[in-house]
mmCIF file of all heavy atoms, coordinates in Angstrom:
data_MODEL
# 
_entry.id   MODEL 
# 
loop_
_atom_site.group_PDB 
_atom_site.id 
_atom_site.type_symbol 
_atom_site.label_atom_id 
_atom_site.label_alt_id 
_atom_site.label_comp_id 
_atom_site.label_asym_id 
_atom_site.label_entity_id 
_atom_site.label_seq_id 
_atom_site.pdbx_PDB_ins_code 
_atom_site.Cartn_x 
_atom_site.Cartn_y 
_atom_site.Cartn_z 
_atom_site.occupancy 
_atom_site.B_iso_or_equiv 
_atom_site.pdbx_formal_charge 
_atom_site.auth_seq_id 
_atom_site.auth_comp_id 
_atom_site.auth_asym_id 
_atom_site.auth_atom_id 
_atom_site.pdbx_PDB_model_num 
ATOM 1   N N   . ARG A 1 1  ? -3.105 -16.293 -10.841 1.00 0.00 ? 1  ARG A N   1 
ATOM 2   C CA  . ARG A 1 1  ? -2.012 -17.052 -11.459 1.00 0.00 ? 1  ARG A CA  1 
ATOM 3   C C   . ARG A 1 1  ? -2.023 -16.829 -12.973 1.00 0.00 ? 1  ARG A C   1 
ATOM 4   O O   . ARG A 1 1  ? -3.074 -16.773 -13.600 1.00 0.00 ? 1  ARG A O   1 
ATOM 5   C CB  . ARG A 1 1  ? -2.165 -18.538 -11.172 1.00 0.00 ? 1  ARG A CB  1 
ATOM 6   C CG  . ARG A 1 1  ? -2.101 -18.858 -9.692  1.00 0.00 ? 1  ARG A CG  1 
ATOM 7   C CD  . ARG A 1 1  ? -2.097 -20.374 -9.483  1.00 0.00 ? 1  ARG A CD  1 
ATOM 8   N NE  . ARG A 1 1  ? -2.361 -20.720 -8.113  1.00 0.00 ? 1  ARG A NE  1 
ATOM 9   C CZ  . ARG A 1 1  ? -1.432 -20.727 -7.170  1.00 0.00 ? 1  ARG A CZ  1 
ATOM 10  N NH1 . ARG A 1 1  ? -0.204 -20.385 -7.448  1.00 0.00 ? 1  ARG A NH1 1 
ATOM 11  N NH2 . ARG A 1 1  ? -1.747 -21.060 -5.935  1.00 0.00 ? 1  ARG A NH2 1 
ATOM 12  N N   . ASN A 1 2  ? -0.839 -16.727 -13.538 1.00 0.00 ? 2  ASN A N   1 
ATOM 13  C CA  . ASN A 1 2  ? -0.656 -16.529 -14.977 1.00 0.00 ? 2  ASN A CA  1 
ATOM 14  C C   . ASN A 1 2  ? -1.475 -15.356 -15.531 1.00 0.00 ? 2  ASN A C   1 
ATOM 15  O O   . ASN A 1 2  ? -2.322 -15.540 -16.411 1.00 0.00 ? 2  ASN A O   1 
ATOM 16  C CB  . ASN A 1 2  ? -1.008 -17.808 -15.749 1.00 0.00 ? 2  ASN A CB  1 
ATOM 17  C CG  . ASN A 1 2  ? -0.135 -18.973 -15.344 1.00 0.00 ? 2  ASN A CG  1 
ATOM 18  O OD1 . ASN A 1 2  ? 1.057  -18.800 -15.083 1.00 0.00 ? 2  ASN A OD1 1 
ATOM 19  N ND2 . ASN A 1 2  ? -0.727 -20.153 -15.285 1.00 0.00 ? 2  ASN A ND2 1 
ATOM 20  N N   . PRO A 1 3  ? -1.231 -14.148 -15.016 1.00 0.00 ? 3  PRO A N   1 
ATOM 21  C CA  . PRO A 1 3  ? -1.976 -12.993 -15.561 1.00 0.00 ? 3  PRO A CA  1 
ATOM 22  C C   . PRO A 1 3  ? -1.528 -12.684 -16.987 1.00 0.00 ? 3  PRO A C   1 
ATOM 23  O O   . PRO A 1 3  ? -0.394 -12.952 -17.374 1.00 0.00 ? 3  PRO A O   1 
ATOM 24  C CB  . PRO A 1 3  ? -1.597 -11.853 -14.609 1.00 0.00 ? 3  PRO A CB  1 
ATOM 25  C CG  . PRO A 1 3  ? -0.298 -12.261 -14.016 1.00 0.00 ? 3  PRO A CG  1 
ATOM 26  C CD  . PRO A 1 3  ? -0.290 -13.761 -13.976 1.00 0.00 ? 3  PRO A CD  1 
ATOM 27  N N   . GLY A 1 4  ? -2.439 -12.109 -17.741 1.00 0.00 ? 4  GLY A N   1 
ATOM 28  C CA  . GLY A 1 4  ? -2.134 -11.750 -19.130 1.00 0.00 ? 4  GLY A CA  1 
ATOM 29  C C   . GLY A 1 4  ? -1.372 -10.434 -19.203 1.00 0.00 ? 4  GLY A C   1 
ATOM 30  O O   . GLY A 1 4  ? -1.151 -9.747  -18.199 1.00 0.00 ? 4  GLY A O   1 
ATOM 31  N N   . LYS A 1 5  ? -0.984 -10.072 -20.419 1.00 0.00 ? 5  LYS A N   1 
ATOM 32  C CA  . LYS A 1 5  ? -0.220 -8.846  -20.630 1.00 0.00 ? 5  LYS A CA  1 
ATOM 33  C C   . LYS A 1 5  ? -1.017 -7.602  -20.238 1.00 0.00 ? 5  LYS A C   1 
ATOM 34  O O   . LYS A 1 5  ? -0.474 -6.652  -19.682 1.00 0.00 ? 5  LYS A O   1 
ATOM 35  C CB  . LYS A 1 5  ? 0.205  -8.744  -22.090 1.00 0.00 ? 5  LYS A CB  1 
ATOM 36  C CG  . LYS A 1 5  ? 1.256  -9.740  -22.486 1.00 0.00 ? 5  LYS A CG  1 
ATOM 37  C CD  . LYS A 1 5  ? 1.630  -9.596  -23.947 1.00 0.00 ? 5  LYS A CD  1 
ATOM 38  C CE  . LYS A 1 5  ? 2.637  -10.665 -24.342 1.00 0.00 ? 5  LYS A CE  1 
ATOM 39  N NZ  . LYS A 1 5  ? 2.980  -10.572 -25.759 1.00 0.00 ? 5  LYS A NZ  1 
ATOM 40  N N   . LEU A 1 6  ? -2.318 -7.601  -20.529 1.00 0.00 ? 6  LEU A N   1 
ATOM 41  C CA  . LEU A 1 6  ? -3.165 -6.461  -20.178 1.00 0.00 ? 6  LEU A CA  1 
ATOM 42  C C   . LEU A 1 6  ? -3.219 -6.277  -18.668 1.00 0.00 ? 6  LEU A C   1 
ATOM 43  O O   . LEU A 1 6  ? -3.089 -5.160  -18.161 1.00 0.00 ? 6  LEU A O   1 
ATOM 44  C CB  . LEU A 1 6  ? -4.574 -6.648  -20.750 1.00 0.00 ? 6  LEU A CB  1 
ATOM 45  C CG  . LEU A 1 6  ? -5.556 -5.529  -20.472 1.00 0.00 ? 6  LEU A CG  1 
ATOM 46  C CD1 . LEU A 1 6  ? -5.080 -4.225  -21.122 1.00 0.00 ? 6  LEU A CD1 1 
ATOM 47  C CD2 . LEU A 1 6  ? -6.934 -5.895  -20.986 1.00 0.00 ? 6  LEU A CD2 1 
ATOM 48  N N   . GLN A 1 7  ? -3.412 -7.375  -17.937 1.00 0.00 ? 7  GLN A N   1 
ATOM 49  C CA  . GLN A 1 7  ? -3.462 -7.305  -16.489 1.00 0.00 ? 7  GLN A CA  1 
ATOM 50  C C   . GLN A 1 7  ? -2.128 -6.821  -15.924 1.00 0.00 ? 7  GLN A C   1 
ATOM 51  O O   . GLN A 1 7  ? -2.101 -6.000  -15.010 1.00 0.00 ? 7  GLN A O   1 
ATOM 52  C CB  . GLN A 1 7  ? -3.823 -8.660  -15.873 1.00 0.00 ? 7  GLN A CB  1 
ATOM 53  C CG  . GLN A 1 7  ? -3.930 -8.609  -14.362 1.00 0.00 ? 7  GLN A CG  1 
ATOM 54  C CD  . GLN A 1 7  ? -4.380 -9.919  -13.751 1.00 0.00 ? 7  GLN A CD  1 
ATOM 55  O OE1 . GLN A 1 7  ? -4.923 -10.775 -14.438 1.00 0.00 ? 7  GLN A OE1 1 
ATOM 56  N NE2 . GLN A 1 7  ? -4.168 -10.073 -12.459 1.00 0.00 ? 7  GLN A NE2 1 
ATOM 57  N N   . LEU A 1 8  ? -1.036 -7.304  -16.472 1.00 0.00 ? 8  LEU A N   1 
ATOM 58  C CA  . LEU A 1 8  ? 0.285  -6.864  -16.013 1.00 0.00 ? 8  LEU A CA  1 
ATOM 59  C C   . LEU A 1 8  ? 0.488  -5.369  -16.287 1.00 0.00 ? 8  LEU A C   1 
ATOM 60  O O   . LEU A 1 8  ? 1.062  -4.654  -15.467 1.00 0.00 ? 8  LEU A O   1 
ATOM 61  C CB  . LEU A 1 8  ? 1.385  -7.687  -16.675 1.00 0.00 ? 8  LEU A CB  1 
ATOM 62  C CG  . LEU A 1 8  ? 1.468  -9.156  -16.248 1.00 0.00 ? 8  LEU A CG  1 
ATOM 63  C CD1 . LEU A 1 8  ? 2.495  -9.895  -17.093 1.00 0.00 ? 8  LEU A CD1 1 
ATOM 64  C CD2 . LEU A 1 8  ? 1.797  -9.277  -14.776 1.00 0.00 ? 8  LEU A CD2 1 
ATOM 65  N N   . ALA A 1 9  ? -0.003 -4.898  -17.430 1.00 0.00 ? 9  ALA A N   1 
ATOM 66  C CA  . ALA A 1 9  ? 0.103  -3.469  -17.747 1.00 0.00 ? 9  ALA A CA  1 
ATOM 67  C C   . ALA A 1 9  ? -0.735 -2.637  -16.778 1.00 0.00 ? 9  ALA A C   1 
ATOM 68  O O   . ALA A 1 9  ? -0.291 -1.584  -16.296 1.00 0.00 ? 9  ALA A O   1 
ATOM 69  C CB  . ALA A 1 9  ? -0.339 -3.225  -19.184 1.00 0.00 ? 9  ALA A CB  1 
ATOM 70  N N   . LEU A 1 10 ? -1.954 -3.088  -16.471 1.00 0.00 ? 10 LEU A N   1 
ATOM 71  C CA  . LEU A 1 10 ? -2.811 -2.383  -15.518 1.00 0.00 ? 10 LEU A CA  1 
ATOM 72  C C   . LEU A 1 10 ? -2.180 -2.347  -14.134 1.00 0.00 ? 10 LEU A C   1 
ATOM 73  O O   . LEU A 1 10 ? -2.191 -1.313  -13.452 1.00 0.00 ? 10 LEU A O   1 
ATOM 74  C CB  . LEU A 1 10 ? -4.189 -3.043  -15.438 1.00 0.00 ? 10 LEU A CB  1 
ATOM 75  C CG  . LEU A 1 10 ? -5.105 -2.859  -16.631 1.00 0.00 ? 10 LEU A CG  1 
ATOM 76  C CD1 . LEU A 1 10 ? -6.347 -3.726  -16.497 1.00 0.00 ? 10 LEU A CD1 1 
ATOM 77  C CD2 . LEU A 1 10 ? -5.486 -1.400  -16.777 1.00 0.00 ? 10 LEU A CD2 1 
ATOM 78  N N   . GLU A 1 11 ? -1.627 -3.495  -13.696 1.00 0.00 ? 11 GLU A N   1 
ATOM 79  C CA  . GLU A 1 11 ? -0.985 -3.553  -12.385 1.00 0.00 ? 11 GLU A CA  1 
ATOM 80  C C   . GLU A 1 11 ? 0.247  -2.659  -12.341 1.00 0.00 ? 11 GLU A C   1 
ATOM 81  O O   . GLU A 1 11 ? 0.515  -2.022  -11.320 1.00 0.00 ? 11 GLU A O   1 
ATOM 82  C CB  . GLU A 1 11 ? -0.626 -5.000  -12.036 1.00 0.00 ? 11 GLU A CB  1 
ATOM 83  C CG  . GLU A 1 11 ? -1.843 -5.855  -11.722 1.00 0.00 ? 11 GLU A CG  1 
ATOM 84  C CD  . GLU A 1 11 ? -1.505 -7.303  -11.428 1.00 0.00 ? 11 GLU A CD  1 
ATOM 85  O OE1 . GLU A 1 11 ? -0.317 -7.653  -11.333 1.00 0.00 ? 11 GLU A OE1 1 
ATOM 86  O OE2 . GLU A 1 11 ? -2.462 -8.099  -11.290 1.00 0.00 ? 11 GLU A OE2 1 
ATOM 87  N N   . SER A 1 12 ? 0.979  -2.582  -13.456 1.00 0.00 ? 12 SER A N   1 
ATOM 88  C CA  . SER A 1 12 ? 2.148  -1.690  -13.513 1.00 0.00 ? 12 SER A CA  1 
ATOM 89  C C   . SER A 1 12 ? 1.726  -0.229  -13.420 1.00 0.00 ? 12 SER A C   1 
ATOM 90  O O   . SER A 1 12 ? 2.362  0.572   -12.735 1.00 0.00 ? 12 SER A O   1 
ATOM 91  C CB  . SER A 1 12 ? 2.925  -1.916  -14.810 1.00 0.00 ? 12 SER A CB  1 
ATOM 92  O OG  . SER A 1 12 ? 3.492  -3.192  -14.827 1.00 0.00 ? 12 SER A OG  1 
ATOM 93  N N   . GLY A 1 13 ? 0.650  0.112   -14.104 1.00 0.00 ? 13 GLY A N   1 
ATOM 94  C CA  . GLY A 1 13 ? 0.131  1.480   -14.033 1.00 0.00 ? 13 GLY A CA  1 
ATOM 95  C C   . GLY A 1 13 ? -0.323 1.844   -12.630 1.00 0.00 ? 13 GLY A C   1 
ATOM 96  O O   . GLY A 1 13 ? -0.056 2.941   -12.139 1.00 0.00 ? 13 GLY A O   1 
ATOM 97  N N   . TYR A 1 14 ? -1.011 0.901   -11.985 1.00 0.00 ? 14 TYR A N   1 
ATOM 98  C CA  . TYR A 1 14 ? -1.466 1.150   -10.613 1.00 0.00 ? 14 TYR A CA  1 
ATOM 99  C C   . TYR A 1 14 ? -0.264 1.286   -9.684  1.00 0.00 ? 14 TYR A C   1 
ATOM 100 O O   . TYR A 1 14 ? -0.237 2.166   -8.820  1.00 0.00 ? 14 TYR A O   1 
ATOM 101 C CB  . TYR A 1 14 ? -2.387 0.018   -10.135 1.00 0.00 ? 14 TYR A CB  1 
ATOM 102 C CG  . TYR A 1 14 ? -2.958 0.297   -8.775  1.00 0.00 ? 14 TYR A CG  1 
ATOM 103 C CD1 . TYR A 1 14 ? -4.095 1.081   -8.630  1.00 0.00 ? 14 TYR A CD1 1 
ATOM 104 C CD2 . TYR A 1 14 ? -2.358 -0.194  -7.615  1.00 0.00 ? 14 TYR A CD2 1 
ATOM 105 C CE1 . TYR A 1 14 ? -4.626 1.369   -7.389  1.00 0.00 ? 14 TYR A CE1 1 
ATOM 106 C CE2 . TYR A 1 14 ? -2.874 0.087   -6.369  1.00 0.00 ? 14 TYR A CE2 1 
ATOM 107 C CZ  . TYR A 1 14 ? -4.013 0.866   -6.263  1.00 0.00 ? 14 TYR A CZ  1 
ATOM 108 O OH  . TYR A 1 14 ? -4.515 1.149   -5.028  1.00 0.00 ? 14 TYR A OH  1 
ATOM 109 N N   . GLN A 1 15 ? 0.738  0.448   -9.870  1.00 0.00 ? 15 GLN A N   1 
ATOM 110 C CA  . GLN A 1 15 ? 1.946  0.500   -9.038  1.00 0.00 ? 15 GLN A CA  1 
ATOM 111 C C   . GLN A 1 15 ? 2.674  1.826   -9.247  1.00 0.00 ? 15 GLN A C   1 
ATOM 112 O O   . GLN A 1 15 ? 3.178  2.413   -8.286  1.00 0.00 ? 15 GLN A O   1 
ATOM 113 C CB  . GLN A 1 15 ? 2.873  -0.671  -9.371  1.00 0.00 ? 15 GLN A CB  1 
ATOM 114 C CG  . GLN A 1 15 ? 4.024  -0.830  -8.407  1.00 0.00 ? 15 GLN A CG  1 
ATOM 115 C CD  . GLN A 1 15 ? 3.546  -1.217  -7.022  1.00 0.00 ? 15 GLN A CD  1 
ATOM 116 O OE1 . GLN A 1 15 ? 2.685  -2.074  -6.873  1.00 0.00 ? 15 GLN A OE1 1 
ATOM 117 N NE2 . GLN A 1 15 ? 4.092  -0.575  -6.012  1.00 0.00 ? 15 GLN A NE2 1 
ATOM 118 N N   . LEU A 1 16 ? 2.712  2.305   -10.476 1.00 0.00 ? 16 LEU A N   1 
ATOM 119 C CA  . LEU A 1 16 ? 3.324  3.596   -10.770 1.00 0.00 ? 16 LEU A CA  1 
ATOM 120 C C   . LEU A 1 16 ? 2.600  4.717   -10.025 1.00 0.00 ? 16 LEU A C   1 
ATOM 121 O O   . LEU A 1 16 ? 3.235  5.574   -9.399  1.00 0.00 ? 16 LEU A O   1 
ATOM 122 C CB  . LEU A 1 16 ? 3.305  3.852   -12.282 1.00 0.00 ? 16 LEU A CB  1 
ATOM 123 C CG  . LEU A 1 16 ? 3.909  5.163   -12.763 1.00 0.00 ? 16 LEU A CG  1 
ATOM 124 C CD1 . LEU A 1 16 ? 5.429  5.109   -12.664 1.00 0.00 ? 16 LEU A CD1 1 
ATOM 125 C CD2 . LEU A 1 16 ? 3.493  5.429   -14.200 1.00 0.00 ? 16 LEU A CD2 1 
ATOM 126 N N   . ALA A 1 17 ? 1.273  4.700   -10.081 1.00 0.00 ? 17 ALA A N   1 
ATOM 127 C CA  . ALA A 1 17 ? 0.479  5.709   -9.362  1.00 0.00 ? 17 ALA A CA  1 
ATOM 128 C C   . ALA A 1 17 ? 0.684  5.583   -7.859  1.00 0.00 ? 17 ALA A C   1 
ATOM 129 O O   . ALA A 1 17 ? 0.807  6.590   -7.148  1.00 0.00 ? 17 ALA A O   1 
ATOM 130 C CB  . ALA A 1 17 ? -1.006 5.561   -9.712  1.00 0.00 ? 17 ALA A CB  1 
ATOM 131 N N   . GLU A 1 18 ? 0.727  4.353   -7.368  1.00 0.00 ? 18 GLU A N   1 
ATOM 132 C CA  . GLU A 1 18 ? 0.940  4.122   -5.936  1.00 0.00 ? 18 GLU A CA  1 
ATOM 133 C C   . GLU A 1 18 ? 2.300  4.653   -5.492  1.00 0.00 ? 18 GLU A C   1 
ATOM 134 O O   . GLU A 1 18 ? 2.412  5.281   -4.439  1.00 0.00 ? 18 GLU A O   1 
ATOM 135 C CB  . GLU A 1 18 ? 0.822  2.629   -5.633  1.00 0.00 ? 18 GLU A CB  1 
ATOM 136 C CG  . GLU A 1 18 ? 0.723  2.302   -4.175  1.00 0.00 ? 18 GLU A CG  1 
ATOM 137 C CD  . GLU A 1 18 ? 0.474  0.827   -3.958  1.00 0.00 ? 18 GLU A CD  1 
ATOM 138 O OE1 . GLU A 1 18 ? 1.383  0.013   -4.238  1.00 0.00 ? 18 GLU A OE1 1 
ATOM 139 O OE2 . GLU A 1 18 ? -0.637 0.489   -3.509  1.00 0.00 ? 18 GLU A OE2 1 
ATOM 140 N N   . ASN A 1 19 ? 3.333  4.423   -6.277  1.00 0.00 ? 19 ASN A N   1 
ATOM 141 C CA  . ASN A 1 19 ? 4.662  4.928   -5.940  1.00 0.00 ? 19 ASN A CA  1 
ATOM 142 C C   . ASN A 1 19 ? 4.704  6.460   -5.989  1.00 0.00 ? 19 ASN A C   1 
ATOM 143 O O   . ASN A 1 19 ? 5.258  7.103   -5.106  1.00 0.00 ? 19 ASN A O   1 
ATOM 144 C CB  . ASN A 1 19 ? 5.725  4.346   -6.877  1.00 0.00 ? 19 ASN A CB  1 
ATOM 145 C CG  . ASN A 1 19 ? 5.944  2.866   -6.666  1.00 0.00 ? 19 ASN A CG  1 
ATOM 146 O OD1 . ASN A 1 19 ? 5.631  2.311   -5.611  1.00 0.00 ? 19 ASN A OD1 1 
ATOM 147 N ND2 . ASN A 1 19 ? 6.457  2.200   -7.676  1.00 0.00 ? 19 ASN A ND2 1 
ATOM 148 N N   . PHE A 1 20 ? 4.113  7.025   -7.035  1.00 0.00 ? 20 PHE A N   1 
ATOM 149 C CA  . PHE A 1 20 ? 4.120  8.479   -7.191  1.00 0.00 ? 20 PHE A CA  1 
ATOM 150 C C   . PHE A 1 20 ? 3.380  9.156   -6.041  1.00 0.00 ? 20 PHE A C   1 
ATOM 151 O O   . PHE A 1 20 ? 3.911  10.042  -5.374  1.00 0.00 ? 20 PHE A O   1 
ATOM 152 C CB  . PHE A 1 20 ? 3.511  8.865   -8.535  1.00 0.00 ? 20 PHE A CB  1 
ATOM 153 C CG  . PHE A 1 20 ? 3.418  10.349  -8.747  1.00 0.00 ? 20 PHE A CG  1 
ATOM 154 C CD1 . PHE A 1 20 ? 4.551  11.083  -9.072  1.00 0.00 ? 20 PHE A CD1 1 
ATOM 155 C CD2 . PHE A 1 20 ? 2.209  11.009  -8.618  1.00 0.00 ? 20 PHE A CD2 1 
ATOM 156 C CE1 . PHE A 1 20 ? 4.466  12.451  -9.270  1.00 0.00 ? 20 PHE A CE1 1 
ATOM 157 C CE2 . PHE A 1 20 ? 2.120  12.379  -8.807  1.00 0.00 ? 20 PHE A CE2 1 
ATOM 158 C CZ  . PHE A 1 20 ? 3.251  13.110  -9.136  1.00 0.00 ? 20 PHE A CZ  1 
ATOM 159 N N   . PHE A 1 21 ? 2.125  8.745   -5.822  1.00 0.00 ? 21 PHE A N   1 
ATOM 160 C CA  . PHE A 1 21 ? 1.329  9.377   -4.774  1.00 0.00 ? 21 PHE A CA  1 
ATOM 161 C C   . PHE A 1 21 ? 1.802  8.964   -3.383  1.00 0.00 ? 21 PHE A C   1 
ATOM 162 O O   . PHE A 1 21 ? 1.643  9.718   -2.429  1.00 0.00 ? 21 PHE A O   1 
ATOM 163 C CB  . PHE A 1 21 ? -0.161 9.066   -4.960  1.00 0.00 ? 21 PHE A CB  1 
ATOM 164 C CG  . PHE A 1 21 ? -0.778 9.800   -6.111  1.00 0.00 ? 21 PHE A CG  1 
ATOM 165 C CD1 . PHE A 1 21 ? -1.267 9.123   -7.205  1.00 0.00 ? 21 PHE A CD1 1 
ATOM 166 C CD2 . PHE A 1 21 ? -0.868 11.178  -6.103  1.00 0.00 ? 21 PHE A CD2 1 
ATOM 167 C CE1 . PHE A 1 21 ? -1.843 9.798   -8.272  1.00 0.00 ? 21 PHE A CE1 1 
ATOM 168 C CE2 . PHE A 1 21 ? -1.436 11.871  -7.164  1.00 0.00 ? 21 PHE A CE2 1 
ATOM 169 C CZ  . PHE A 1 21 ? -1.925 11.180  -8.249  1.00 0.00 ? 21 PHE A CZ  1 
ATOM 170 N N   . GLY A 1 22 ? 2.369  7.770   -3.255  1.00 0.00 ? 22 GLY A N   1 
ATOM 171 C CA  . GLY A 1 22 ? 2.895  7.326   -1.966  1.00 0.00 ? 22 GLY A CA  1 
ATOM 172 C C   . GLY A 1 22 ? 4.028  8.213   -1.481  1.00 0.00 ? 22 GLY A C   1 
ATOM 173 O O   . GLY A 1 22 ? 4.139  8.507   -0.295  1.00 0.00 ? 22 GLY A O   1 
ATOM 174 N N   . GLU A 1 23 ? 4.885  8.657   -2.411  1.00 0.00 ? 23 GLU A N   1 
ATOM 175 C CA  . GLU A 1 23 ? 5.971  9.568   -2.045  1.00 0.00 ? 23 GLU A CA  1 
ATOM 176 C C   . GLU A 1 23 ? 5.428  10.932  -1.631  1.00 0.00 ? 23 GLU A C   1 
ATOM 177 O O   . GLU A 1 23 ? 5.966  11.571  -0.734  1.00 0.00 ? 23 GLU A O   1 
ATOM 178 C CB  . GLU A 1 23 ? 6.947  9.732   -3.204  1.00 0.00 ? 23 GLU A CB  1 
ATOM 179 C CG  . GLU A 1 23 ? 7.786  8.509   -3.481  1.00 0.00 ? 23 GLU A CG  1 
ATOM 180 C CD  . GLU A 1 23 ? 8.736  8.697   -4.655  1.00 0.00 ? 23 GLU A CD  1 
ATOM 181 O OE1 . GLU A 1 23 ? 9.030  9.860   -5.001  1.00 0.00 ? 23 GLU A OE1 1 
ATOM 182 O OE2 . GLU A 1 23 ? 9.168  7.674   -5.212  1.00 0.00 ? 23 GLU A OE2 1 
ATOM 183 N N   . LEU A 1 24 ? 4.371  11.379  -2.282  1.00 0.00 ? 24 LEU A N   1 
ATOM 184 C CA  . LEU A 1 24 ? 3.796  12.681  -1.959  1.00 0.00 ? 24 LEU A CA  1 
ATOM 185 C C   . LEU A 1 24 ? 2.976  12.661  -0.672  1.00 0.00 ? 24 LEU A C   1 
ATOM 186 O O   . LEU A 1 24 ? 3.037  13.586  0.130   1.00 0.00 ? 24 LEU A O   1 
ATOM 187 C CB  . LEU A 1 24 ? 2.895  13.159  -3.101  1.00 0.00 ? 24 LEU A CB  1 
ATOM 188 C CG  . LEU A 1 24 ? 3.562  13.526  -4.409  1.00 0.00 ? 24 LEU A CG  1 
ATOM 189 C CD1 . LEU A 1 24 ? 2.515  13.832  -5.455  1.00 0.00 ? 24 LEU A CD1 1 
ATOM 190 C CD2 . LEU A 1 24 ? 4.481  14.715  -4.229  1.00 0.00 ? 24 LEU A CD2 1 
ATOM 191 N N   . LEU A 1 25 ? 2.174  11.609  -0.493  1.00 0.00 ? 25 LEU A N   1 
ATOM 192 C CA  . LEU A 1 25 ? 1.200  11.573  0.591   1.00 0.00 ? 25 LEU A CA  1 
ATOM 193 C C   . LEU A 1 25 ? 1.599  10.700  1.781   1.00 0.00 ? 25 LEU A C   1 
ATOM 194 O O   . LEU A 1 25 ? 0.976  10.796  2.829   1.00 0.00 ? 25 LEU A O   1 
ATOM 195 C CB  . LEU A 1 25 ? -0.152 11.064  0.054   1.00 0.00 ? 25 LEU A CB  1 
ATOM 196 C CG  . LEU A 1 25 ? -0.740 11.831  -1.117  1.00 0.00 ? 25 LEU A CG  1 
ATOM 197 C CD1 . LEU A 1 25 ? -1.965 11.116  -1.641  1.00 0.00 ? 25 LEU A CD1 1 
ATOM 198 C CD2 . LEU A 1 25 ? -1.072 13.250  -0.717  1.00 0.00 ? 25 LEU A CD2 1 
ATOM 199 N N   . GLY A 1 26 ? 2.557  9.825   1.593   1.00 0.00 ? 26 GLY A N   1 
ATOM 200 C CA  . GLY A 1 26 ? 2.915  8.886   2.655   1.00 0.00 ? 26 GLY A CA  1 
ATOM 201 C C   . GLY A 1 26 ? 1.982  7.685   2.634   1.00 0.00 ? 26 GLY A C   1 
ATOM 202 O O   . GLY A 1 26 ? 1.038  7.609   1.854   1.00 0.00 ? 26 GLY A O   1 
# 
């Protein structure tokens, strides 16, 4: 609950990687 800006940035980066590799690998 109430994550900080750093945590939100890390989660966004992970989500970006997940979306990128998810499209390539399924």
